Protein backbone atom coordinates (compact mmCIF):
# COMPACT_ATOMS: atom_id res chain seq x y z
CA MET A 1 0.00 0.00 0.00
CA ALA A 2 1.38 3.43 -0.92
CA ARG A 3 2.52 5.52 2.00
CA PRO A 4 2.03 9.24 1.31
CA SER A 5 4.79 11.63 2.33
CA LYS A 6 4.05 13.87 5.29
CA LYS A 7 3.51 17.50 4.32
CA LEU A 8 6.07 19.55 6.15
CA PRO A 9 6.40 23.31 6.53
CA ARG A 10 9.06 24.88 4.34
CA THR A 11 11.68 24.99 7.05
CA ALA A 12 14.81 22.92 7.55
CA THR A 13 13.76 19.81 9.43
CA HIS A 14 16.02 17.55 11.48
CA ARG A 15 14.96 13.93 11.86
CA PRO A 16 16.82 11.95 14.56
CA ALA A 17 17.88 8.41 13.81
CA VAL A 18 14.98 5.98 14.04
CA ARG A 19 17.26 3.36 15.56
CA ARG A 20 20.10 3.95 18.00
CA ARG A 21 23.52 3.45 16.51
CA ARG A 22 26.12 1.25 18.14
CA PHE A 23 29.61 2.29 17.16
CA ARG A 24 32.58 -0.02 16.90
CA HIS A 25 36.02 1.25 17.77
CA ASP A 26 37.15 0.95 14.13
CA GLU A 27 34.00 2.32 12.52
CA VAL A 28 34.40 4.77 9.65
CA ARG A 29 31.64 7.37 9.82
CA ALA A 30 30.22 9.17 6.79
CA VAL A 31 27.90 12.05 5.91
CA ASP A 32 25.93 11.69 2.67
CA MET A 33 25.10 15.07 1.15
CA PHE A 34 22.27 15.21 -1.45
CA SER A 35 21.58 11.61 -0.53
CA GLY A 36 18.43 11.03 -2.61
CA PHE A 37 17.40 7.38 -2.54
CA GLY A 38 20.71 6.46 -0.93
CA GLY A 39 22.72 4.83 -3.70
CA LEU A 40 25.99 6.11 -2.24
CA THR A 41 24.84 5.36 1.31
CA LYS A 42 24.14 1.76 0.34
CA GLY A 43 27.42 1.46 -1.55
CA LEU A 44 29.40 2.77 1.41
CA ALA A 45 27.56 0.37 3.73
CA MET A 46 28.59 -2.49 1.44
CA ALA A 47 32.17 -1.20 1.81
CA GLY A 48 31.93 -1.15 5.61
CA VAL A 49 31.35 2.60 6.06
CA THR A 50 28.56 3.79 8.37
CA THR A 51 26.52 6.83 7.34
CA ILE A 52 25.56 8.86 10.41
CA MET A 53 23.82 11.73 8.62
CA ALA A 54 22.08 12.20 5.28
CA ALA A 55 20.66 15.42 3.86
CA ASN A 56 18.33 16.17 0.97
CA HIS A 57 15.81 18.87 0.06
CA SER A 58 13.03 16.41 -0.82
CA PRO A 59 10.87 15.13 2.08
CA TYR A 60 9.84 12.12 -0.03
CA LYS A 61 13.41 11.07 -0.77
CA VAL A 62 14.44 11.59 2.85
CA GLU A 63 11.59 9.34 3.99
CA ILE A 64 12.69 6.63 1.54
CA HIS A 65 16.30 7.01 2.71
CA GLU A 66 15.23 6.92 6.36
CA ALA A 67 13.22 3.71 5.86
CA ASN A 68 16.27 1.99 4.38
CA HIS A 69 18.87 3.52 6.70
CA PRO A 70 17.15 3.98 10.08
CA ASP A 71 20.46 4.30 11.94
CA ALA A 72 21.25 7.62 10.26
CA GLU A 73 20.04 11.08 11.21
CA HIS A 74 18.47 13.15 8.45
CA TRP A 75 18.04 16.75 7.40
CA ILE A 76 15.27 17.86 5.04
CA ALA A 77 16.81 21.11 3.94
CA ASP A 78 18.11 23.28 1.12
CA LEU A 79 21.90 23.19 1.51
CA VAL A 80 22.48 25.62 -1.37
CA ASP A 81 20.47 28.84 -1.03
CA PRO A 82 21.09 30.83 2.18
CA GLU A 83 17.93 32.87 1.57
CA ALA A 84 15.63 29.86 1.41
CA ALA A 85 13.30 29.32 4.36
CA ASP A 86 14.45 25.71 4.65
CA TYR A 87 18.18 26.49 4.34
CA HIS A 88 20.65 24.56 6.47
CA SER A 89 24.34 25.19 6.00
CA ALA A 90 26.54 22.29 4.98
CA ARG A 91 29.03 23.61 7.54
CA ASP A 92 26.56 22.71 10.30
CA LEU A 93 26.31 19.04 9.37
CA PRO A 94 28.19 16.82 11.84
CA PRO A 95 31.89 16.04 11.34
CA ALA A 96 32.74 12.66 9.86
CA ASP A 97 35.67 10.69 8.48
CA PHE A 98 34.08 10.39 5.05
CA LEU A 99 31.98 12.85 3.04
CA ALA A 100 29.95 11.49 0.12
CA ALA A 101 28.08 13.76 -2.27
CA GLY A 102 26.20 13.12 -5.50
CA VAL A 103 26.18 16.67 -6.84
CA SER A 104 23.86 17.98 -9.53
CA CYS A 105 25.18 18.76 -12.96
CA VAL A 106 22.74 19.96 -15.60
CA ASN A 107 24.04 22.79 -17.81
CA HIS A 108 27.33 24.38 -16.88
CA SER A 109 27.09 28.02 -15.95
CA GLN A 110 28.03 30.07 -12.92
CA ALA A 111 26.20 31.74 -10.07
CA ASN A 112 28.10 33.14 -7.11
CA THR A 113 31.14 31.14 -8.20
CA VAL A 114 31.88 33.64 -10.97
CA LYS A 115 32.46 36.40 -8.46
CA ALA A 116 34.63 34.19 -6.24
CA TYR A 117 36.67 33.06 -9.22
CA GLU A 118 37.25 36.56 -10.54
CA GLN A 119 38.26 37.85 -7.10
CA GLY A 120 40.45 34.85 -6.31
CA MET A 121 38.39 34.13 -3.19
CA ALA A 122 37.26 30.87 -1.69
CA LEU A 123 33.52 30.22 -1.87
CA PHE A 124 33.19 29.99 1.88
CA GLU A 125 34.54 33.57 2.13
CA LEU A 126 32.09 35.01 -0.40
CA ASP A 127 28.97 36.99 0.51
CA ASP A 128 26.59 37.36 -2.44
CA PRO A 129 23.29 39.06 -1.44
CA ASP A 130 22.07 39.11 -5.07
CA TYR A 131 22.41 35.37 -5.47
CA GLU A 132 18.71 34.47 -5.54
CA GLU A 133 17.87 37.14 -8.11
CA ARG A 134 20.66 36.12 -10.51
CA VAL A 135 20.68 32.40 -10.19
CA THR A 136 18.98 29.98 -12.59
CA ARG A 137 18.01 26.39 -11.91
CA SER A 138 21.14 25.02 -13.55
CA GLU A 139 23.32 27.50 -11.68
CA ARG A 140 21.77 26.44 -8.37
CA ASP A 141 22.37 22.80 -9.24
CA ARG A 142 25.96 23.62 -10.01
CA ALA A 143 26.29 25.21 -6.59
CA THR A 144 25.73 21.83 -4.98
CA ALA A 145 29.40 21.13 -5.76
CA ASN A 146 30.27 24.20 -3.72
CA CYS A 147 28.54 22.78 -0.64
CA VAL A 148 31.16 20.03 -0.67
CA LEU A 149 33.81 22.73 -0.32
CA HIS A 150 31.91 24.36 2.54
CA TYR A 151 31.86 21.09 4.47
CA ALA A 152 35.49 20.22 3.70
CA ALA A 153 36.69 23.64 4.86
CA GLN A 154 34.72 23.38 8.09
CA HIS A 155 35.33 19.75 9.11
CA HIS A 156 38.16 18.47 6.90
CA PRO A 157 37.01 14.85 6.53
CA ARG A 158 39.87 12.53 5.70
CA ILE A 159 38.06 11.23 2.60
CA VAL A 160 35.70 13.01 0.18
CA LEU A 161 33.90 11.25 -2.69
CA VAL A 162 32.00 13.31 -5.27
CA GLU A 163 29.79 11.80 -8.00
CA CYS A 164 28.45 13.75 -10.94
CA THR A 165 27.80 13.57 -14.66
CA THR A 166 30.99 13.85 -16.65
CA GLU A 167 30.09 17.34 -17.90
CA LEU A 168 31.19 18.81 -14.58
CA THR A 169 34.65 19.25 -16.10
CA SER A 170 33.31 21.96 -18.46
CA TRP A 171 32.05 24.07 -15.56
CA GLY A 172 32.98 27.66 -16.31
CA PRO A 173 32.03 30.74 -18.34
CA ALA A 174 30.14 29.81 -21.49
CA VAL A 175 32.25 29.35 -24.59
CA GLN A 176 31.14 31.83 -27.23
CA GLY A 177 29.00 30.16 -29.85
CA ARG A 178 28.70 26.89 -27.87
CA ALA A 179 25.41 26.53 -26.05
CA LYS A 180 25.66 24.83 -22.65
CA VAL A 181 29.42 24.44 -22.93
CA GLY A 182 31.74 26.10 -20.44
CA ASP A 183 35.48 26.55 -20.60
CA GLY A 184 36.20 24.44 -17.49
CA SER A 185 37.93 27.26 -15.59
CA THR A 186 35.56 27.13 -12.61
CA TYR A 187 35.97 23.37 -12.38
CA ARG A 188 39.74 23.76 -12.27
CA TRP A 189 39.41 26.49 -9.66
CA TRP A 190 37.09 24.25 -7.62
CA LEU A 191 39.69 21.46 -7.66
CA LYS A 192 42.34 23.97 -6.62
CA GLN A 193 40.37 24.77 -3.46
CA PHE A 194 40.77 21.16 -2.34
CA ASP A 195 44.46 21.40 -3.07
CA LEU A 196 44.64 24.44 -0.76
CA LEU A 197 42.82 22.40 1.90
CA ASN A 198 45.62 19.80 1.76
CA TYR A 199 43.85 17.15 -0.31
CA ASP A 200 45.16 15.02 -3.15
CA HIS A 201 42.64 13.70 -5.65
CA LYS A 202 41.98 11.30 -8.51
CA VAL A 203 39.33 11.65 -11.21
CA LEU A 204 37.59 8.44 -12.33
CA TYR A 205 35.34 7.81 -15.31
CA LEU A 206 33.39 4.59 -14.76
CA ASN A 207 30.42 2.87 -16.37
CA SER A 208 27.99 1.04 -14.08
CA GLN A 209 27.47 -1.78 -16.58
CA PHE A 210 30.85 -3.20 -15.58
CA PHE A 211 29.91 -3.37 -11.88
CA GLY A 212 26.92 -5.70 -12.01
CA VAL A 213 24.34 -3.02 -12.93
CA PRO A 214 22.20 -3.73 -16.04
CA GLN A 215 22.55 -0.16 -17.27
CA SER A 216 25.13 1.75 -19.31
CA ARG A 217 25.70 4.71 -17.01
CA ASP A 218 28.87 6.76 -17.41
CA ARG A 219 29.64 8.96 -14.44
CA LEU A 220 32.46 11.08 -13.07
CA TYR A 221 33.78 10.19 -9.62
CA ILE A 222 36.35 12.35 -7.85
CA ALA A 223 38.04 10.95 -4.77
CA PHE A 224 39.86 13.35 -2.43
CA TRP A 225 42.06 12.21 0.45
CA ASP A 226 44.08 14.06 3.03
CA ARG A 227 47.76 14.19 2.09
CA SER A 228 48.68 12.44 5.33
CA LEU A 229 47.06 9.29 3.93
CA PRO A 230 48.62 6.90 1.42
CA ALA A 231 47.23 7.11 -2.10
CA PRO A 232 44.37 4.64 -2.66
CA ASP A 233 44.39 2.04 -5.41
CA LEU A 234 41.62 3.30 -7.70
CA GLU A 235 42.65 1.64 -10.93
CA HIS A 236 39.69 -0.27 -12.32
CA ARG A 237 41.08 -3.50 -13.76
CA PRO A 238 38.16 -5.81 -14.58
CA VAL A 239 39.04 -9.36 -15.55
CA SER A 240 38.39 -9.57 -19.29
CA ARG A 241 39.03 -12.02 -22.07
CA CYS A 242 41.77 -11.10 -24.53
CA HIS A 243 41.06 -13.17 -27.62
CA HIS A 244 44.42 -12.28 -29.16
CA CYS A 245 46.36 -13.58 -26.13
CA ASP A 246 43.74 -16.30 -25.55
CA LYS A 247 43.62 -15.70 -21.82
CA ASP A 248 41.84 -13.73 -19.11
CA VAL A 249 43.63 -10.51 -18.21
CA GLU A 250 43.24 -7.60 -15.82
CA ALA A 251 42.13 -4.99 -18.32
CA VAL A 252 43.68 -1.51 -18.25
CA TRP A 253 41.46 1.59 -18.41
CA THR A 254 42.77 3.63 -21.39
CA TRP A 255 41.91 6.94 -23.05
CA ARG A 256 40.94 6.87 -26.72
CA THR A 257 40.40 10.58 -27.40
CA GLY A 258 40.74 12.52 -24.16
CA ILE A 259 38.09 14.86 -22.70
CA PRO A 260 36.09 16.84 -25.31
CA PRO A 261 35.16 20.52 -24.70
CA THR A 262 31.64 19.47 -23.68
CA GLY A 263 33.04 17.30 -20.90
CA SER A 264 30.96 14.37 -22.19
CA VAL A 265 33.01 11.20 -21.61
CA ARG A 266 31.53 7.87 -22.68
CA TYR A 267 32.80 4.31 -22.68
CA GLY A 268 33.66 3.19 -26.20
CA LYS A 269 34.06 6.75 -27.48
CA GLN A 270 36.44 8.58 -25.18
CA TYR A 271 37.85 5.61 -23.26
CA GLU A 272 38.11 1.83 -23.40
CA TYR A 273 39.85 -1.11 -21.74
CA ARG A 274 42.96 -2.77 -23.16
CA CYS A 275 44.94 -5.93 -22.61
CA PRO A 276 48.08 -5.14 -20.54
CA SER A 277 50.13 -7.52 -22.72
CA CYS A 278 49.20 -6.90 -26.35
CA ARG A 279 47.50 -3.51 -25.77
CA ARG A 280 44.55 -4.52 -27.93
CA PRO A 281 41.06 -3.45 -26.83
CA VAL A 282 39.15 -5.90 -24.65
CA VAL A 283 35.56 -5.79 -23.42
CA PRO A 284 34.87 -6.45 -19.73
CA PRO A 285 31.87 -8.62 -18.82
CA MET A 286 28.69 -6.61 -18.47
CA THR A 287 25.19 -7.07 -17.13
CA PRO A 288 22.38 -7.42 -19.70
CA SER A 289 19.11 -5.52 -19.34
CA VAL A 290 17.20 -8.80 -19.19
CA ALA A 291 18.39 -9.01 -15.58
CA ALA A 292 16.04 -6.10 -14.80
CA LEU A 293 13.07 -6.98 -16.99
CA ASP A 294 9.90 -8.80 -16.01
CA LEU A 295 9.16 -10.57 -19.29
CA THR A 296 6.15 -12.33 -17.80
CA ASP A 297 4.43 -8.94 -18.18
CA LEU A 298 4.21 -8.13 -21.89
CA GLY A 299 1.82 -5.21 -21.56
CA THR A 300 -0.99 -4.64 -24.05
CA ARG A 301 -1.24 -5.86 -27.64
CA ILE A 302 -0.91 -2.78 -29.83
CA GLY A 303 -3.92 -3.78 -31.91
CA ASP A 304 -6.03 -3.95 -28.74
CA LYS A 305 -5.15 -0.46 -27.52
CA PRO A 306 -7.97 2.10 -27.91
CA VAL A 307 -7.72 4.41 -30.91
CA ARG A 308 -6.91 7.98 -29.87
CA THR A 309 -6.31 11.33 -31.52
CA PHE A 310 -2.84 12.69 -30.74
CA LYS A 311 -1.38 16.19 -30.73
CA ASP A 312 0.05 15.79 -34.21
CA GLY A 313 -3.46 15.16 -35.56
CA THR A 314 -2.92 11.47 -36.23
CA THR A 315 -5.16 8.75 -34.86
CA GLY A 316 -4.31 5.22 -33.84
CA PRO A 317 -3.39 3.00 -30.89
CA LEU A 318 -0.10 4.86 -30.48
CA ALA A 319 1.17 8.17 -31.81
CA ALA A 320 2.54 8.01 -35.35
CA ALA A 321 6.03 8.86 -34.14
CA THR A 322 5.86 6.06 -31.56
CA MET A 323 4.69 3.57 -34.16
CA ALA A 324 7.55 4.63 -36.44
CA ARG A 325 10.07 4.18 -33.64
CA ALA A 326 8.60 0.78 -32.82
CA GLU A 327 8.95 -0.38 -36.41
CA ARG A 328 12.49 1.01 -36.61
CA CYS A 329 13.48 -0.85 -33.45
CA ARG A 330 11.86 -4.04 -34.66
CA GLN A 331 13.69 -3.85 -37.98
CA ARG A 332 17.04 -3.13 -36.33
CA PHE A 333 16.73 -6.10 -33.99
CA ALA A 334 14.67 -8.39 -36.17
CA ASP A 335 16.03 -11.52 -34.50
CA PHE A 336 15.03 -10.52 -30.96
CA PRO A 337 11.50 -11.07 -29.65
CA ALA A 338 11.79 -8.20 -27.14
CA VAL A 339 13.40 -4.77 -27.56
CA LEU A 340 13.89 -1.79 -25.27
CA MET A 341 12.99 1.35 -27.19
CA PRO A 342 13.01 5.09 -26.42
CA ALA A 343 9.45 6.22 -25.79
CA LYS A 344 9.71 9.99 -25.98
CA ALA A 345 12.12 10.94 -28.75
CA VAL A 346 12.46 10.40 -32.47
CA HIS A 347 16.10 9.59 -31.94
CA GLY A 348 17.21 7.39 -29.09
CA SER A 349 19.17 4.35 -28.11
CA GLU A 350 17.20 1.15 -28.62
CA ARG A 351 18.60 -1.97 -26.99
CA HIS A 352 17.94 -5.67 -27.12
CA PRO A 353 17.71 -7.70 -23.89
CA TRP A 354 21.32 -8.91 -24.00
CA GLN A 355 22.60 -5.33 -23.90
CA PRO A 356 22.56 -3.13 -20.80
CA MET A 357 19.83 -0.50 -20.57
CA SER A 358 20.51 3.01 -21.79
CA THR A 359 21.32 5.58 -19.13
CA GLN A 360 18.27 6.02 -16.90
CA THR A 361 17.26 9.62 -16.22
CA SER A 362 14.69 10.99 -13.79
CA GLN A 363 11.85 10.33 -16.26
CA GLN A 364 10.17 7.24 -17.66
CA GLU A 365 11.71 7.22 -21.11
CA THR A 366 12.01 3.52 -21.97
CA SER A 367 9.33 1.18 -23.24
CA ILE A 368 9.34 -2.54 -24.00
CA LEU A 369 8.25 -3.75 -27.42
CA SER A 370 7.72 -7.51 -27.55
CA THR A 371 6.24 -10.00 -29.96
CA GLY A 372 3.64 -11.49 -27.67
CA PRO A 373 3.18 -15.22 -28.27
CA VAL A 374 6.66 -15.56 -29.76
CA VAL A 375 8.40 -14.03 -26.77
CA GLN A 376 6.23 -16.13 -24.46
CA GLN A 377 7.16 -19.24 -26.42
CA LEU A 378 10.81 -18.37 -25.99
CA TRP A 379 10.73 -17.20 -22.36
CA THR A 380 7.87 -18.95 -20.55
CA PRO A 381 9.42 -22.45 -20.59
CA ALA A 382 12.86 -20.96 -20.24
CA LEU A 383 15.33 -21.24 -17.42
CA ALA A 384 17.95 -18.60 -16.75
CA LEU A 385 21.15 -20.19 -15.52
CA ALA A 386 23.63 -18.07 -13.57
CA VAL A 387 26.92 -19.91 -13.37
CA ASP A 388 29.54 -18.68 -10.91
CA ASN A 389 32.79 -20.19 -12.07
CA TYR A 390 30.56 -22.52 -14.09
CA GLN A 391 28.74 -23.71 -10.99
CA GLY A 392 25.21 -22.56 -10.23
CA GLY A 393 21.55 -23.39 -10.16
CA PRO A 394 18.76 -22.77 -12.64
CA ARG A 395 16.18 -20.03 -12.11
CA GLY A 396 12.70 -19.95 -13.58
CA ALA A 397 11.55 -17.23 -15.95
CA THR A 398 9.48 -15.67 -13.15
CA THR A 399 12.50 -15.42 -10.83
CA PRO A 400 14.69 -12.32 -11.14
CA LEU A 401 18.21 -12.94 -12.33
CA PRO A 402 21.02 -12.47 -9.81
CA THR A 403 23.43 -9.62 -10.27
CA GLN A 404 25.96 -10.66 -12.88
CA VAL A 405 29.61 -10.03 -12.10
CA GLY A 406 32.79 -10.58 -14.03
CA SER A 407 33.14 -14.22 -13.03
CA GLU A 408 29.58 -15.25 -13.97
CA THR A 409 28.18 -16.47 -17.25
CA LEU A 410 24.51 -16.28 -18.19
CA ALA A 411 22.78 -18.82 -20.39
CA VAL A 412 19.16 -19.27 -21.36
CA VAL A 413 17.69 -22.76 -21.46
CA SER A 414 14.35 -23.53 -23.11
CA SER A 415 12.77 -26.52 -24.78
CA GLY A 416 14.80 -25.79 -27.90
CA ILE A 417 18.06 -24.90 -26.14
CA ILE A 418 20.00 -27.63 -24.47
CA PRO A 419 23.03 -27.23 -22.20
CA PHE A 420 26.11 -29.28 -22.88
CA ARG A 421 29.59 -29.63 -21.51
CA LYS A 422 32.93 -29.47 -23.20
CA ASN A 423 34.10 -32.94 -24.21
CA THR A 424 30.73 -34.49 -23.31
CA VAL A 425 27.61 -35.52 -25.17
CA PRO A 426 24.79 -32.93 -25.16
CA THR A 427 21.85 -33.73 -22.92
CA VAL A 428 18.25 -33.44 -23.98
CA HIS A 429 15.60 -31.25 -22.39
CA THR A 430 13.99 -34.18 -20.56
CA GLU A 431 17.22 -34.99 -18.72
CA PRO A 432 18.59 -33.16 -15.68
CA MET A 433 21.18 -30.52 -16.42
CA PRO A 434 24.75 -31.58 -15.73
CA THR A 435 26.95 -29.92 -13.13
CA PHE A 436 29.46 -27.48 -14.59
CA THR A 437 32.93 -27.58 -13.12
CA SER A 438 35.85 -25.21 -13.52
CA ASP A 439 37.11 -26.93 -16.67
CA GLN A 440 33.74 -27.23 -18.37
CA ILE A 441 31.96 -24.67 -20.51
CA PRO A 442 28.18 -24.19 -20.60
CA GLY A 443 26.67 -23.73 -24.03
CA MET A 444 23.37 -23.62 -25.90
CA LEU A 445 22.07 -25.95 -28.56
CA THR A 446 19.22 -25.35 -31.00
CA ALA A 447 18.09 -27.09 -34.12
CA ALA A 448 19.99 -24.56 -36.24
CA GLY A 449 22.85 -23.42 -34.01
CA TRP A 450 23.65 -19.95 -32.66
CA PHE A 451 25.38 -16.76 -33.74
CA LYS A 452 27.45 -14.01 -32.13
CA GLN A 453 27.50 -10.31 -33.00
CA ASN A 454 31.09 -9.15 -32.79
CA GLY A 455 31.11 -5.81 -34.62
CA SER A 456 30.71 -2.29 -33.27
CA THR A 457 27.47 -1.74 -35.19
CA GLY A 458 25.84 -4.95 -34.03
CA THR A 459 25.33 -6.18 -37.57
CA GLU A 460 28.48 -8.24 -38.06
CA THR A 461 27.63 -11.81 -37.07
CA ALA A 462 29.61 -14.98 -36.80
CA PRO A 463 27.52 -18.20 -37.04
CA HIS A 464 28.56 -21.18 -34.95
CA PRO A 465 27.64 -24.86 -35.26
CA VAL A 466 25.80 -26.48 -32.41
CA THR A 467 28.99 -28.17 -31.26
CA ASP A 468 30.63 -24.84 -30.30
CA PRO A 469 30.36 -23.55 -26.71
CA LEU A 470 28.55 -20.26 -26.19
CA GLY A 471 31.47 -18.41 -24.60
CA THR A 472 31.49 -15.39 -22.31
CA LEU A 473 28.82 -12.69 -22.71
CA THR A 474 30.40 -9.24 -23.02
CA ALA A 475 29.19 -5.75 -23.81
CA ASN A 476 30.16 -5.98 -27.49
CA ASP A 477 29.61 -9.70 -28.15
CA THR A 478 25.93 -10.48 -28.34
CA ALA A 479 24.80 -14.09 -28.61
CA GLY A 480 21.61 -14.96 -30.43
CA LEU A 481 19.75 -18.13 -31.29
CA LEU A 482 19.17 -19.40 -34.79
CA ALA A 483 15.81 -20.97 -34.14
CA THR A 484 13.99 -21.00 -37.45
CA HIS A 485 10.53 -21.62 -36.04
CA TRP A 486 10.33 -18.30 -34.16
CA ARG A 487 12.69 -16.28 -36.37
CA ALA A 488 10.35 -16.72 -39.31
CA ALA A 489 7.40 -15.82 -37.14
CA LEU A 490 9.10 -12.57 -36.12
CA ALA A 491 9.64 -11.54 -39.74
CA GLU A 492 6.00 -12.08 -40.65
CA LEU A 493 4.40 -10.59 -37.54
CA PRO A 494 2.62 -7.24 -38.13
CA LEU A 495 3.35 -4.44 -35.68
CA GLU A 496 -0.26 -4.46 -34.43
CA GLU A 497 0.34 -7.99 -33.13
CA CYS A 498 3.26 -6.83 -30.98
CA TYR A 499 2.92 -5.87 -27.33
CA PHE A 500 3.91 -2.50 -25.89
CA ARG A 501 4.32 -1.08 -22.42
CA MET A 502 6.49 1.33 -20.46
CA MET A 503 9.09 -0.08 -18.11
CA ARG A 504 7.71 -0.50 -14.61
CA ALA A 505 9.15 1.46 -11.73
CA TYR A 506 10.53 -1.71 -10.13
CA GLU A 507 12.29 -2.61 -13.39
CA VAL A 508 13.88 0.84 -13.45
CA GLY A 509 14.93 0.37 -9.84
CA ARG A 510 16.50 -2.99 -10.56
CA GLY A 511 18.12 -1.51 -13.65
CA CYS A 512 19.71 1.14 -11.43
CA GLY A 513 21.19 -1.45 -9.08
CA PHE A 514 18.62 -1.40 -6.27
CA ASP A 515 17.37 -4.61 -4.64
CA VAL A 516 13.65 -3.91 -5.13
CA ASP A 517 10.63 -6.20 -5.05
CA PHE A 518 10.44 -8.00 -8.38
CA ALA A 519 7.55 -10.27 -9.43
CA ASP A 520 7.44 -12.85 -6.59
CA TYR A 521 10.85 -11.79 -5.26
CA GLN A 522 10.96 -9.82 -2.01
CA GLY A 523 13.74 -7.22 -2.19
CA SER A 524 15.52 -5.50 0.68
CA PHE A 525 15.02 -1.93 -0.59
CA LYS A 526 11.88 -0.24 0.71
CA VAL A 527 10.16 2.18 -1.66
CA TRP A 528 6.64 3.51 -2.22
CA GLY A 529 4.90 6.38 -3.96
CA SER A 530 3.92 7.08 -7.54
CA ALA A 531 5.79 5.54 -10.45
CA ARG A 532 6.95 9.03 -11.47
CA ASN A 533 8.46 9.73 -8.04
CA GLN A 534 10.11 6.33 -7.88
CA VAL A 535 11.64 6.67 -11.35
CA ASP A 536 12.90 10.14 -10.45
CA GLY A 537 14.54 8.75 -7.32
CA PHE A 538 16.14 5.79 -9.07
CA GLY A 539 17.20 7.80 -12.11
CA ASN A 540 19.05 10.37 -10.01
CA ALA A 541 20.68 7.81 -7.73
CA VAL A 542 24.30 6.71 -7.69
CA SER A 543 24.78 3.06 -8.61
CA PRO A 544 25.36 1.35 -5.22
CA GLN A 545 27.75 -1.21 -6.70
CA VAL A 546 30.10 1.48 -8.03
CA GLY A 547 29.96 3.28 -4.69
CA ALA A 548 30.86 0.02 -2.95
CA TRP A 549 33.87 -0.55 -5.23
CA ILE A 550 35.27 2.94 -4.69
CA GLY A 551 34.30 3.05 -1.01
CA SER A 552 36.10 -0.21 -0.20
CA ARG A 553 39.35 1.11 -1.68
CA LEU A 554 39.06 4.43 0.13
CA ARG A 555 38.23 2.72 3.42
CA ALA A 556 41.32 0.51 3.02
CA VAL A 557 43.45 3.67 2.95
CA LEU A 558 42.14 4.76 6.35
CA HIS A 559 42.97 1.39 7.91
CA ARG A 560 46.41 1.27 6.32
CA SER A 561 47.10 4.68 7.81
CA GLU A 562 45.96 3.54 11.27
CA PHE A 563 48.11 0.41 11.10
CA ALA A 564 51.11 2.48 10.08
CA ALA A 565 50.55 4.87 12.97
CA ALA A 566 50.25 1.98 15.44
CA ALA A 567 53.51 0.51 14.16
């Protein structure tokens, strides 16, 4: 049952911890600024860091955060605008060892930072009475990064972790003739303030799809640490298969082009991973979007949707532009019975279920187009097998897939797909599946074989006979089934016979790395409210798994420092 948010007066509101904390002597304490749904809080908890205080301006998001982290105190407050009735200064948040902040980053422009930059002043020394009159929404969002400076200057936490979109690096005066592009001078000045506060730092560009999240989400992470601490190991080296060397390697994060003037940095365009031996590009294992999708819910048959008149004057079950996008997506991925397609734009990034989702924003922008009976024929009798080091148990189609990590391999087993082992005879669907050991490879067998898309455009395919093992699923290698009985049906199926629906809020949540309720699965993350509010919360959240990876390496630095001091 939905739990409505309490209506609060527009004043800063402190909420004590629901549950009393019990500190350990070695506990690392954190403050999460702009905490939202608590992606960073959860990630830090997974890394062994305890959040004692979280702050956000949204009562709804604070209530969600509080339900999931009852040991933390909370502030419902505007940390940015001193003139706001609900303002609470970041300087007045409690001191902690670790400051985490997911700062906003929409369009890069300046508010009170321009005056501080021009005068060579620190932001926490600047008084700007005209701030509210001059500031725009994007400028206020940008100022969230300045709150991190306020806190660091006041409390000097030993570790600071900032998450933002990659465009933060272009923060500065607008470049003439380039809309929404700054020259990066304010960003460089902002980094310099941390240098003056005796911090070293490292900038990371990471994509969530390589951390067990079924979403391609490139983000900028900046880790600051006090210079008295040893430098943390923040090199992301995912175990990847180098086909040239024919072995698994610890891939090396490598620039391809450097940072463009827009600050937009994306995996595959500006950076990639390479083999440390031959230096050829490799692709780390990723998590497919099917891990987040409830394919037992196909939505409504397009032909059964009521005919409506749309703003463009056209009539039909869906808007003409939506129908055109649906047909385009279906033609692009003609061999896949289900496709993720953009629902609100003529141009977008359509994906098939073996690819990670596109970057999730604060709005419901993704729909699922499926082929009804064909997709049910493929998925309903299917088993999804998650094999950890080639050992694992089958899961039914109604059971959510586990989070896929670098050492796991996914396979789909249906009545026409039969698992087999290397150097063994394939089993049939009426026999129990064999146990996979470390020297055995799971594969898939159909009447016609299977194929693998190896090219950058997704159109270059390499067919394999049924005797070949499936191999490891990566972000660029997409395995498909050559099953003639449903492939032919897909080609002949009219669009009106397809099914269409928007992604559900719980699918978005799972796609963002949150352990939400899913079909018959009971998740650990508590959430309620409208689908729009939930999608906004998930879409703005930091991927917990990435926060856990970074947080564990930063926490290790604190313990190494303590051990060194004790010695």
